[in-house]
Amino acid sequence: MKILVVGAGATGGYFGARLARAGKDVTFLVRPRRAAALRERGLRITGLGEEETLTPRLVTADRLAGPYDLVLLSVKATALDGALDDIAPAVGPGTAIVPLLNGMAHLARLNERFGEKSVLGGVARIITTLNTEGDIVRLAPVASLTIGEQRGGTSERVEAVAAVLTDAGIDTHRSADVVAAMWGKWVFISTLAGLTCLMRGTVGDVRAVPGGQGFVTALLAECAAVAAAAGHPVRQKELDAVATMLTTDGSPLTASLYRDVTQGAPTEAEQVFGDLVERARGLSVDTPLLDLVTLNLRVHERRTASAG
């Protein structure tokens, strides 16, 4: 299977490295600056006792030719527009695109550009970041992918993609309702990013103060209410697991969106929160806490844009 990994950041870089290490036919589509850094230092993964450096096969958009059998689309949601043009030469009649973006809006954009039959649903659960040198740093052991057909059920191509990922040692799940799984991830990331961004602290910081646990519970309930109203309720067992994770004493856990905020960088505020509160309005779901998070992040985005 000929695989194109779009982006070699904290998510795509990690999963692409696992595929490359297993001897799969993997190429990373990256920007020229990232390509130069990777050629100089290699693709490095560190953290949790892992120290590894690979020499990845790279291509930039101006030299991309296809088609590829599998495209793992792992870019920030804010970079989707450019990525759609970049990957076009790689997409042929038999290409399967697996997006690993936050939120849900990207599905409609990909379907419109390449056709629903080319686009699978995908969920990445991983906690990694890039350090100042561009190395991938693992912050927690979790690292899994969930894939499935948008319309549900099973298919030969899902089985084929899952087999390749699993053979590379990636914890891979096949979902008969991947859209629901994507909503579940959206509920989780919105709650985690909402509480850490609004409170400017870690999960442990929020948990340690009076009212912290109640805030987490209320924010999670709002996010879950939107998902339920949209027809994709998150199972109570999953909600309980999220609540436990986000109210753990001393937890250093933060969201990647929070790390962007603290670094003064642009964020996925509109894709994660703006879209969610807009859907809530259309579904007549009250979300005062999500509205507050969205307002807070929009102020950050305006300030960041003004600073250049």
C-alpha atoms as a PDB file:
ATOM      1  CA  MET A   1       0.000   0.000   0.000  1.00  0.00           C
ATOM      2  CA  LYS A   2       1.437   3.334  -1.093  1.00  0.00           C
ATOM      3  CA  ILE A   3       0.888   5.794   1.771  1.00  0.00           C
ATOM      4  CA  LEU A   4       1.067   9.590   1.896  1.00  0.00           C
ATOM      5  CA  VAL A   5       1.158  11.215   5.322  1.00  0.00           C
ATOM      6  CA  VAL A   6       0.175  14.870   5.022  1.00  0.00           C
ATOM      7  CA  GLY A   7       2.061  16.737   7.700  1.00  0.00           C
ATOM      8  CA  ALA A   8       4.921  15.554   9.888  1.00  0.00           C
ATOM      9  CA  GLY A   9       3.854  17.262  13.073  1.00  0.00           C
ATOM     10  CA  ALA A  10       3.003  15.867  16.474  1.00  0.00           C
ATOM     11  CA  THR A  11       0.274  13.530  15.176  1.00  0.00           C
ATOM     12  CA  GLY A  12       1.095  12.708  11.566  1.00  0.00           C
ATOM     13  CA  GLY A  13       4.793  12.535  12.296  1.00  0.00           C
ATOM     14  CA  TYR A  14       4.273   9.987  15.063  1.00  0.00           C
ATOM     15  CA  PHE A  15       1.943   7.636  13.197  1.00  0.00           C
ATOM     16  CA  GLY A  16       3.890   8.050   9.958  1.00  0.00           C
ATOM     17  CA  ALA A  17       7.089   7.143  11.788  1.00  0.00           C
ATOM     18  CA  ARG A  18       5.493   3.956  13.089  1.00  0.00           C
ATOM     19  CA  LEU A  19       4.546   3.013   9.531  1.00  0.00           C
ATOM     20  CA  ALA A  20       8.004   3.841   8.190  1.00  0.00           C
ATOM     21  CA  ARG A  21       9.720   1.920  10.979  1.00  0.00           C
ATOM     22  CA  ALA A  22       7.626  -1.127  10.026  1.00  0.00           C
ATOM     23  CA  GLY A  23       8.914  -0.915   6.452  1.00  0.00           C
ATOM     24  CA  LYS A  24       5.733   0.452   4.868  1.00  0.00           C
ATOM     25  CA  ASP A  25       5.862   2.547   1.687  1.00  0.00           C
ATOM     26  CA  VAL A  26       5.456   5.946   3.356  1.00  0.00           C
ATOM     27  CA  THR A  27       6.065   9.466   2.063  1.00  0.00           C
ATOM     28  CA  PHE A  28       5.549  12.639   4.103  1.00  0.00           C
ATOM     29  CA  LEU A  29       4.076  15.684   2.352  1.00  0.00           C
ATOM     30  CA  VAL A  30       5.542  18.703   4.135  1.00  0.00           C
ATOM     31  CA  ARG A  31       6.194  22.406   3.684  1.00  0.00           C
ATOM     32  CA  PRO A  32       9.671  23.416   2.444  1.00  0.00           C
ATOM     33  CA  ARG A  33      10.769  24.723   5.865  1.00  0.00           C
ATOM     34  CA  ARG A  34       9.724  21.517   7.625  1.00  0.00           C
ATOM     35  CA  ALA A  35      11.398  19.482   4.883  1.00  0.00           C
ATOM     36  CA  ALA A  36      14.676  21.318   5.451  1.00  0.00           C
ATOM     37  CA  ALA A  37      14.524  20.711   9.202  1.00  0.00           C
ATOM     38  CA  LEU A  38      13.742  17.016   8.775  1.00  0.00           C
ATOM     39  CA  ARG A  39      16.569  16.554   6.291  1.00  0.00           C
ATOM     40  CA  GLU A  40      18.947  18.147   8.748  1.00  0.00           C
ATOM     41  CA  ARG A  41      17.835  16.488  12.000  1.00  0.00           C
ATOM     42  CA  GLY A  42      15.719  13.554  10.886  1.00  0.00           C
ATOM     43  CA  LEU A  43      12.272  12.756  12.253  1.00  0.00           C
ATOM     44  CA  ARG A  44      12.833  12.440  15.976  1.00  0.00           C
ATOM     45  CA  ILE A  45      10.504  11.011  18.602  1.00  0.00           C
ATOM     46  CA  THR A  46      11.234  11.363  22.296  1.00  0.00           C
ATOM     47  CA  GLY A  47       9.493  11.076  25.642  1.00  0.00           C
ATOM     48  CA  LEU A  48       8.147   8.233  27.804  1.00  0.00           C
ATOM     49  CA  GLY A  49      11.464   6.466  27.471  1.00  0.00           C
ATOM     50  CA  GLU A  50      11.342   6.520  23.673  1.00  0.00           C
ATOM     51  CA  GLU A  51      14.262   7.945  21.705  1.00  0.00           C
ATOM     52  CA  GLU A  52      14.196   7.379  17.969  1.00  0.00           C
ATOM     53  CA  THR A  53      15.405   9.101  14.833  1.00  0.00           C
ATOM     54  CA  LEU A  54      14.278   8.176  11.328  1.00  0.00           C
ATOM     55  CA  THR A  55      15.276   9.451   7.905  1.00  0.00           C
ATOM     56  CA  PRO A  56      11.858   9.989   6.296  1.00  0.00           C
ATOM     57  CA  ARG A  57      11.012  10.068   2.618  1.00  0.00           C
ATOM     58  CA  LEU A  58       9.786  13.612   1.934  1.00  0.00           C
ATOM     59  CA  VAL A  59       7.983  15.449  -0.818  1.00  0.00           C
ATOM     60  CA  THR A  60       6.776  19.031  -1.152  1.00  0.00           C
ATOM     61  CA  ALA A  61       3.530  20.003  -2.868  1.00  0.00           C
ATOM     62  CA  ASP A  62       5.230  21.217  -6.050  1.00  0.00           C
ATOM     63  CA  ARG A  63       6.758  17.760  -6.601  1.00  0.00           C
ATOM     64  CA  LEU A  64       3.863  15.559  -5.533  1.00  0.00           C
ATOM     65  CA  ALA A  65       2.640  12.989  -8.042  1.00  0.00           C
ATOM     66  CA  GLY A  66       0.147  10.208  -7.515  1.00  0.00           C
ATOM     67  CA  PRO A  67      -2.032   8.472  -7.015  1.00  0.00           C
ATOM     68  CA  TYR A  68      -1.527   7.013  -3.542  1.00  0.00           C
ATOM     69  CA  ASP A  69      -3.561   4.196  -2.039  1.00  0.00           C
ATOM     70  CA  LEU A  70      -3.903   5.836   1.379  1.00  0.00           C
ATOM     71  CA  VAL A  71      -3.685   9.482   2.408  1.00  0.00           C
ATOM     72  CA  LEU A  72      -3.425  10.155   6.140  1.00  0.00           C
ATOM     73  CA  LEU A  73      -4.420  13.806   6.411  1.00  0.00           C
ATOM     74  CA  SER A  74      -2.918  15.166   9.617  1.00  0.00           C
ATOM     75  CA  VAL A  75      -2.825  18.954   9.557  1.00  0.00           C
ATOM     76  CA  LYS A  76      -4.350  21.588  11.779  1.00  0.00           C
ATOM     77  CA  ALA A  77      -7.914  22.393  10.787  1.00  0.00           C
ATOM     78  CA  THR A  78      -6.772  25.950  10.035  1.00  0.00           C
ATOM     79  CA  ALA A  79      -4.526  24.554   7.269  1.00  0.00           C
ATOM     80  CA  LEU A  80      -7.241  22.494   5.568  1.00  0.00           C
ATOM     81  CA  ASP A  81      -7.843  24.844   2.636  1.00  0.00           C
ATOM     82  CA  GLY A  82      -4.242  24.704   1.507  1.00  0.00           C
ATOM     83  CA  ALA A  83      -4.028  20.969   2.138  1.00  0.00           C
ATOM     84  CA  LEU A  84      -6.972  20.263  -0.178  1.00  0.00           C
ATOM     85  CA  ASP A  85      -5.058  21.760  -3.097  1.00  0.00           C
ATOM     86  CA  ASP A  86      -1.788  20.153  -2.042  1.00  0.00           C
ATOM     87  CA  ILE A  87      -3.091  16.581  -1.914  1.00  0.00           C
ATOM     88  CA  ALA A  88      -5.153  16.720  -5.121  1.00  0.00           C
ATOM     89  CA  PRO A  89      -2.413  15.100  -7.289  1.00  0.00           C
ATOM     90  CA  ALA A  90      -2.229  12.198  -4.803  1.00  0.00           C
ATOM     91  CA  VAL A  91      -5.941  11.322  -4.972  1.00  0.00           C
ATOM     92  CA  GLY A  92      -7.029   8.840  -7.607  1.00  0.00           C
ATOM     93  CA  PRO A  93     -10.177   6.710  -8.083  1.00  0.00           C
ATOM     94  CA  GLY A  94      -8.990   4.114  -5.559  1.00  0.00           C
ATOM     95  CA  THR A  95      -7.479   6.435  -2.954  1.00  0.00           C
ATOM     96  CA  ALA A  96      -8.745   6.280   0.620  1.00  0.00           C
ATOM     97  CA  ILE A  97      -8.387   9.553   2.552  1.00  0.00           C
ATOM     98  CA  VAL A  98      -8.335   9.271   6.345  1.00  0.00           C
ATOM     99  CA  PRO A  99      -8.561  12.720   7.989  1.00  0.00           C
ATOM    100  CA  LEU A 100      -7.240  13.052  11.533  1.00  0.00           C
ATOM    101  CA  LEU A 101      -8.446  16.604  12.203  1.00  0.00           C
ATOM    102  CA  ASN A 102     -10.332  18.002  15.169  1.00  0.00           C
ATOM    103  CA  GLY A 103     -14.000  18.854  14.852  1.00  0.00           C
ATOM    104  CA  MET A 104     -16.343  17.731  12.090  1.00  0.00           C
ATOM    105  CA  ALA A 105     -16.461  20.465   9.463  1.00  0.00           C
ATOM    106  CA  HIS A 106     -13.579  19.002   7.472  1.00  0.00           C
ATOM    107  CA  LEU A 107     -15.670  16.001   6.405  1.00  0.00           C
ATOM    108  CA  ALA A 108     -18.024  18.138   4.336  1.00  0.00           C
ATOM    109  CA  ARG A 109     -15.089  19.985   2.743  1.00  0.00           C
ATOM    110  CA  LEU A 110     -13.332  16.759   1.809  1.00  0.00           C
ATOM    111  CA  ASN A 111     -16.530  15.177   0.496  1.00  0.00           C
ATOM    112  CA  GLU A 112     -17.202  18.208  -1.669  1.00  0.00           C
ATOM    113  CA  ARG A 113     -13.687  18.195  -3.119  1.00  0.00           C
ATOM    114  CA  PHE A 114     -12.985  14.483  -3.564  1.00  0.00           C
ATOM    115  CA  GLY A 115     -16.337  12.720  -3.177  1.00  0.00           C
ATOM    116  CA  GLU A 116     -17.716  10.931  -0.144  1.00  0.00           C
ATOM    117  CA  LYS A 117     -16.602   7.538  -1.451  1.00  0.00           C
ATOM    118  CA  SER A 118     -12.961   8.606  -1.189  1.00  0.00           C
ATOM    119  CA  VAL A 119     -13.188   9.837   2.404  1.00  0.00           C
ATOM    120  CA  LEU A 120     -13.215   7.663   5.501  1.00  0.00           C
ATOM    121  CA  GLY A 121     -13.896   8.912   8.988  1.00  0.00           C
ATOM    122  CA  GLY A 122     -10.937   8.986  11.327  1.00  0.00           C
ATOM    123  CA  VAL A 123     -10.130   9.644  14.974  1.00  0.00           C
ATOM    124  CA  ALA A 124      -6.641  10.028  16.413  1.00  0.00           C
ATOM    125  CA  ARG A 125      -6.183   9.749  20.149  1.00  0.00           C
ATOM    126  CA  ILE A 126      -2.676  10.805  21.008  1.00  0.00           C
ATOM    127  CA  ILE A 127      -1.034  13.304  23.345  1.00  0.00           C
ATOM    128  CA  THR A 128       2.121  14.646  21.732  1.00  0.00           C
ATOM    129  CA  THR A 129       3.668  18.009  20.960  1.00  0.00           C
ATOM    130  CA  LEU A 130       6.577  19.490  19.031  1.00  0.00           C
ATOM    131  CA  ASN A 131       9.457  20.975  20.988  1.00  0.00           C
ATOM    132  CA  THR A 132      11.394  24.056  19.902  1.00  0.00           C
ATOM    133  CA  GLU A 133      13.642  21.931  17.685  1.00  0.00           C
ATOM    134  CA  GLY A 134      10.715  20.335  15.894  1.00  0.00           C
ATOM    135  CA  ASP A 135      11.024  16.928  17.571  1.00  0.00           C
ATOM    136  CA  ILE A 136       7.914  14.958  18.494  1.00  0.00           C
ATOM    137  CA  VAL A 137       7.535  14.644  22.263  1.00  0.00           C
ATOM    138  CA  ARG A 138       5.185  12.021  23.703  1.00  0.00           C
ATOM    139  CA  LEU A 139       3.353  13.288  26.783  1.00  0.00           C
ATOM    140  CA  ALA A 140       1.192  10.247  27.564  1.00  0.00           C
ATOM    141  CA  PRO A 141       1.096   6.576  26.500  1.00  0.00           C
ATOM    142  CA  VAL A 142      -2.187   6.776  24.563  1.00  0.00           C
ATOM    143  CA  ALA A 143      -1.717   6.498  20.784  1.00  0.00           C
ATOM    144  CA  SER A 144      -4.536   4.968  18.737  1.00  0.00           C
ATOM    145  CA  LEU A 145      -6.440   5.407  15.485  1.00  0.00           C
ATOM    146  CA  THR A 146     -10.094   4.670  14.755  1.00  0.00           C
ATOM    147  CA  ILE A 147     -11.318   4.439  11.158  1.00  0.00           C
ATOM    148  CA  GLY A 148     -14.575   3.591   9.410  1.00  0.00           C
ATOM    149  CA  GLU A 149     -16.909   4.354   6.554  1.00  0.00           C
ATOM    150  CA  GLN A 150     -18.832   7.589   6.944  1.00  0.00           C
ATOM    151  CA  ARG A 151     -22.098   5.818   6.197  1.00  0.00           C
ATOM    152  CA  GLY A 152     -21.358   3.141   8.770  1.00  0.00           C
ATOM    153  CA  GLY A 153     -20.897  -0.573   8.518  1.00  0.00           C
ATOM    154  CA  THR A 154     -17.785  -2.355   7.322  1.00  0.00           C
ATOM    155  CA  SER A 155     -15.920  -2.504   4.035  1.00  0.00           C
ATOM    156  CA  GLU A 156     -12.975  -4.226   2.410  1.00  0.00           C
ATOM    157  CA  ARG A 157     -10.982  -0.995   2.226  1.00  0.00           C
ATOM    158  CA  VAL A 158     -11.432  -0.297   5.933  1.00  0.00           C
ATOM    159  CA  GLU A 159     -10.180  -3.810   6.655  1.00  0.00           C
ATOM    160  CA  ALA A 160      -7.225  -3.302   4.300  1.00  0.00           C
ATOM    161  CA  VAL A 161      -6.225   0.036   5.844  1.00  0.00           C
ATOM    162  CA  ALA A 162      -6.681  -1.309   9.371  1.00  0.00           C
ATOM    163  CA  ALA A 163      -4.503  -4.309   8.554  1.00  0.00           C
ATOM    164  CA  VAL A 164      -1.633  -2.098   7.387  1.00  0.00           C
ATOM    165  CA  LEU A 165      -1.878   0.156  10.442  1.00  0.00           C
ATOM    166  CA  THR A 166      -2.087  -2.780  12.829  1.00  0.00           C
ATOM    167  CA  ASP A 167       0.859  -4.506  11.157  1.00  0.00           C
ATOM    168  CA  ALA A 168       2.885  -1.370  11.916  1.00  0.00           C
ATOM    169  CA  GLY A 169       2.105  -1.755  15.604  1.00  0.00           C
ATOM    170  CA  ILE A 170      -0.479   1.036  15.695  1.00  0.00           C
ATOM    171  CA  ASP A 171      -3.414   0.459  18.046  1.00  0.00           C
ATOM    172  CA  THR A 172      -6.157   0.511  15.406  1.00  0.00           C
ATOM    173  CA  HIS A 173      -9.928   0.246  15.835  1.00  0.00           C
ATOM    174  CA  ARG A 174     -12.552  -0.348  13.142  1.00  0.00           C
ATOM    175  CA  SER A 175     -15.792   1.486  13.859  1.00  0.00           C
ATOM    176  CA  ALA A 176     -19.189   0.661  12.417  1.00  0.00           C
ATOM    177  CA  ASP A 177     -20.249   4.210  13.405  1.00  0.00           C
ATOM    178  CA  VAL A 178     -17.147   6.329  12.963  1.00  0.00           C
ATOM    179  CA  VAL A 179     -19.100   9.582  12.840  1.00  0.00           C
ATOM    180  CA  ALA A 180     -20.267   8.900  16.396  1.00  0.00           C
ATOM    181  CA  ALA A 181     -16.659   8.186  17.345  1.00  0.00           C
ATOM    182  CA  MET A 182     -15.656  11.531  15.855  1.00  0.00           C
ATOM    183  CA  TRP A 183     -18.338  13.267  17.897  1.00  0.00           C
ATOM    184  CA  GLY A 184     -17.020  11.512  20.988  1.00  0.00           C
ATOM    185  CA  LYS A 185     -13.541  12.868  20.296  1.00  0.00           C
ATOM    186  CA  TRP A 186     -15.026  16.334  19.698  1.00  0.00           C
ATOM    187  CA  VAL A 187     -16.793  16.247  23.065  1.00  0.00           C
ATOM    188  CA  PHE A 188     -13.562  15.222  24.785  1.00  0.00           C
ATOM    189  CA  ILE A 189     -11.287  17.748  23.096  1.00  0.00           C
ATOM    190  CA  SER A 190     -13.801  20.583  23.557  1.00  0.00           C
ATOM    191  CA  THR A 191     -14.058  19.900  27.267  1.00  0.00           C
ATOM    192  CA  LEU A 192     -10.303  19.527  27.756  1.00  0.00           C
ATOM    193  CA  ALA A 193      -9.418  22.544  25.626  1.00  0.00           C
ATOM    194  CA  GLY A 194     -12.256  24.602  27.083  1.00  0.00           C
ATOM    195  CA  LEU A 195     -11.278  24.114  30.704  1.00  0.00           C
ATOM    196  CA  THR A 196      -7.509  24.502  30.195  1.00  0.00           C
ATOM    197  CA  CYS A 197      -7.776  27.511  27.875  1.00  0.00           C
ATOM    198  CA  LEU A 198     -10.389  29.409  29.864  1.00  0.00           C
ATOM    199  CA  MET A 199      -8.684  28.708  33.196  1.00  0.00           C
ATOM    200  CA  ARG A 200      -5.135  28.979  31.784  1.00  0.00           C
ATOM    201  CA  GLY A 201      -3.972  25.922  33.670  1.00  0.00           C
ATOM    202  CA  THR A 202      -3.637  22.153  33.690  1.00  0.00           C
ATOM    203  CA  VAL A 203      -6.339  19.685  34.601  1.00  0.00           C
ATOM    204  CA  GLY A 204      -4.690  19.394  38.014  1.00  0.00           C
ATOM    205  CA  ASP A 205      -4.683  23.170  38.456  1.00  0.00           C
ATOM    206  CA  VAL A 206      -8.431  23.348  37.821  1.00  0.00           C
ATOM    207  CA  ARG A 207      -9.171  20.335  40.012  1.00  0.00           C
ATOM    208  CA  ALA A 208      -7.226  21.827  42.932  1.00  0.00           C
ATOM    209  CA  VAL A 209      -9.436  24.886  43.447  1.00  0.00           C
ATOM    210  CA  PRO A 210     -12.976  25.182  44.833  1.00  0.00           C
ATOM    211  CA  GLY A 211     -15.499  24.886  42.026  1.00  0.00           C
ATOM    212  CA  GLY A 212     -13.001  23.347  39.617  1.00  0.00           C
ATOM    213  CA  GLN A 213     -14.579  19.911  39.474  1.00  0.00           C
ATOM    214  CA  GLY A 214     -18.043  21.381  39.105  1.00  0.00           C
ATOM    215  CA  PHE A 215     -16.880  23.498  36.191  1.00  0.00           C
ATOM    216  CA  VAL A 216     -15.506  20.437  34.402  1.00  0.00           C
ATOM    217  CA  THR A 217     -18.737  18.529  34.984  1.00  0.00           C
ATOM    218  CA  ALA A 218     -20.877  21.384  33.666  1.00  0.00           C
ATOM    219  CA  LEU A 219     -18.704  21.974  30.587  1.00  0.00           C
ATOM    220  CA  LEU A 220     -18.682  18.267  29.718  1.00  0.00           C
ATOM    221  CA  ALA A 221     -22.464  18.167  30.054  1.00  0.00           C
ATOM    222  CA  GLU A 222     -22.848  21.043  27.592  1.00  0.00           C
ATOM    223  CA  CYS A 223     -20.580  19.401  25.024  1.00  0.00           C
ATOM    224  CA  ALA A 224     -22.372  16.072  25.414  1.00  0.00           C
ATOM    225  CA  ALA A 225     -25.770  17.770  25.053  1.00  0.00           C
ATOM    226  CA  VAL A 226     -24.805  19.147  21.640  1.00  0.00           C
ATOM    227  CA  ALA A 227     -23.653  15.728  20.469  1.00  0.00           C
ATOM    228  CA  ALA A 228     -26.878  14.105  21.691  1.00  0.00           C
ATOM    229  CA  ALA A 229     -29.036  16.736  20.009  1.00  0.00           C
ATOM    230  CA  ALA A 230     -27.104  16.173  16.770  1.00  0.00           C
ATOM    231  CA  GLY A 231     -28.061  12.492  16.898  1.00  0.00           C
ATOM    232  CA  HIS A 232     -24.724  11.151  18.137  1.00  0.00           C
ATOM    233  CA  PRO A 233     -25.006  10.711  21.913  1.00  0.00           C
ATOM    234  CA  VAL A 234     -21.802   9.744  23.675  1.00  0.00           C
ATOM    235  CA  ARG A 235     -22.112   6.598  25.759  1.00  0.00           C
ATOM    236  CA  GLN A 236     -22.294   7.192  29.491  1.00  0.00           C
ATOM    237  CA  LYS A 237     -19.317   4.886  30.053  1.00  0.00           C
ATOM    238  CA  GLU A 238     -17.210   7.090  27.789  1.00  0.00           C
ATOM    239  CA  LEU A 239     -18.443  10.273  29.457  1.00  0.00           C
ATOM    240  CA  ASP A 240     -17.586   8.834  32.873  1.00  0.00           C
ATOM    241  CA  ALA A 241     -14.066   8.008  31.663  1.00  0.00           C
ATOM    242  CA  VAL A 242     -13.611  11.561  30.355  1.00  0.00           C
ATOM    243  CA  ALA A 243     -14.887  13.034  33.613  1.00  0.00           C
ATOM    244  CA  THR A 244     -12.441  10.920  35.592  1.00  0.00           C
ATOM    245  CA  MET A 245      -9.518  11.873  33.354  1.00  0.00           C
ATOM    246  CA  LEU A 246     -10.327  15.572  33.578  1.00  0.00           C
ATOM    247  CA  THR A 247     -10.733  15.672  37.358  1.00  0.00           C
ATOM    248  CA  THR A 248      -7.597  13.790  38.370  1.00  0.00           C
ATOM    249  CA  ASP A 249      -5.613  15.327  41.231  1.00  0.00           C
ATOM    250  CA  GLY A 250      -2.291  16.753  40.067  1.00  0.00           C
ATOM    251  CA  SER A 251      -2.812  15.876  36.417  1.00  0.00           C
ATOM    252  CA  PRO A 252      -0.448  17.804  34.099  1.00  0.00           C
ATOM    253  CA  LEU A 253      -2.791  17.222  31.152  1.00  0.00           C
ATOM    254  CA  THR A 254      -3.508  20.143  28.802  1.00  0.00           C
ATOM    255  CA  ALA A 255      -4.875  20.434  25.275  1.00  0.00           C
ATOM    256  CA  SER A 256      -2.771  21.256  22.218  1.00  0.00           C
ATOM    257  CA  LEU A 257      -5.052  24.259  21.750  1.00  0.00           C
ATOM    258  CA  TYR A 258      -4.061  25.454  25.224  1.00  0.00           C
ATOM    259  CA  ARG A 259      -0.392  25.116  24.323  1.00  0.00           C
ATOM    260  CA  ASP A 260      -1.017  27.242  21.222  1.00  0.00           C
ATOM    261  CA  VAL A 261      -2.669  29.898  23.366  1.00  0.00           C
ATOM    262  CA  THR A 262       0.179  30.044  25.886  1.00  0.00           C
ATOM    263  CA  GLN A 263       2.675  30.363  23.023  1.00  0.00           C
ATOM    264  CA  GLY A 264       0.733  33.222  21.463  1.00  0.00           C
ATOM    265  CA  ALA A 265       0.004  31.177  18.344  1.00  0.00           C
ATOM    266  CA  PRO A 266      -3.176  30.965  16.251  1.00  0.00           C
ATOM    267  CA  THR A 267      -5.555  28.198  17.301  1.00  0.00           C
ATOM    268  CA  GLU A 268      -8.332  25.984  15.977  1.00  0.00           C
ATOM    269  CA  ALA A 269     -10.857  28.022  17.968  1.00  0.00           C
ATOM    270  CA  GLU A 270     -13.417  28.289  15.178  1.00  0.00           C
ATOM    271  CA  GLN A 271     -13.119  24.660  14.079  1.00  0.00           C
ATOM    272  CA  VAL A 272     -13.359  23.268  17.615  1.00  0.00           C
ATOM    273  CA  PHE A 273     -15.601  25.799  19.376  1.00  0.00           C
ATOM    274  CA  GLY A 274     -17.102  28.193  16.825  1.00  0.00           C
ATOM    275  CA  ASP A 275     -18.598  25.344  14.814  1.00  0.00           C
ATOM    276  CA  LEU A 276     -19.807  23.568  17.950  1.00  0.00           C
ATOM    277  CA  VAL A 277     -21.688  26.571  19.367  1.00  0.00           C
ATOM    278  CA  GLU A 278     -23.170  27.345  15.945  1.00  0.00           C
ATOM    279  CA  ARG A 279     -24.534  23.811  15.760  1.00  0.00           C
ATOM    280  CA  ALA A 280     -25.828  24.189  19.315  1.00  0.00           C
ATOM    281  CA  ARG A 281     -27.767  27.296  18.303  1.00  0.00           C
ATOM    282  CA  GLY A 282     -29.283  25.446  15.361  1.00  0.00           C
ATOM    283  CA  LEU A 283     -30.295  22.589  17.667  1.00  0.00           C
ATOM    284  CA  SER A 284     -31.677  24.923  20.383  1.00  0.00           C
ATOM    285  CA  VAL A 285     -29.116  23.760  22.949  1.00  0.00           C
ATOM    286  CA  ASP A 286     -28.033  26.315  25.546  1.00  0.00           C
ATOM    287  CA  THR A 287     -24.244  26.430  25.962  1.00  0.00           C
ATOM    288  CA  PRO A 288     -23.281  29.392  28.185  1.00  0.00           C
ATOM    289  CA  LEU A 289     -19.896  27.935  29.150  1.00  0.00           C
ATOM    290  CA  LEU A 290     -18.980  27.001  25.582  1.00  0.00           C
ATOM    291  CA  ASP A 291     -20.052  30.491  24.512  1.00  0.00           C
ATOM    292  CA  LEU A 292     -17.693  31.959  27.098  1.00  0.00           C
ATOM    293  CA  VAL A 293     -14.798  29.762  25.947  1.00  0.00           C
ATOM    294  CA  THR A 294     -15.462  30.730  22.333  1.00  0.00           C
ATOM    295  CA  LEU A 295     -15.528  34.446  23.177  1.00  0.00           C
ATOM    296  CA  ASN A 296     -12.305  34.121  25.151  1.00  0.00           C
ATOM    297  CA  LEU A 297     -10.520  32.393  22.274  1.00  0.00           C
ATOM    298  CA  ARG A 298     -11.844  34.828  19.693  1.00  0.00           C
ATOM    299  CA  VAL A 299     -10.272  37.645  21.690  1.00  0.00           C
ATOM    300  CA  HIS A 300      -7.018  35.670  21.637  1.00  0.00           C
ATOM    301  CA  GLU A 301      -7.292  35.139  17.876  1.00  0.00           C
ATOM    302  CA  ARG A 302      -7.882  38.842  17.258  1.00  0.00           C
ATOM    303  CA  ARG A 303      -4.963  39.810  19.455  1.00  0.00           C
ATOM    304  CA  THR A 304      -2.726  37.245  17.729  1.00  0.00           C
ATOM    305  CA  ALA A 305      -3.729  38.472  14.278  1.00  0.00           C
ATOM    306  CA  SER A 306      -3.091  42.093  15.278  1.00  0.00           C
ATOM    307  CA  ALA A 307       0.384  41.141  16.487  1.00  0.00           C
ATOM    308  CA  GLY A 308       1.165  39.564  13.113  1.00  0.00           C
END
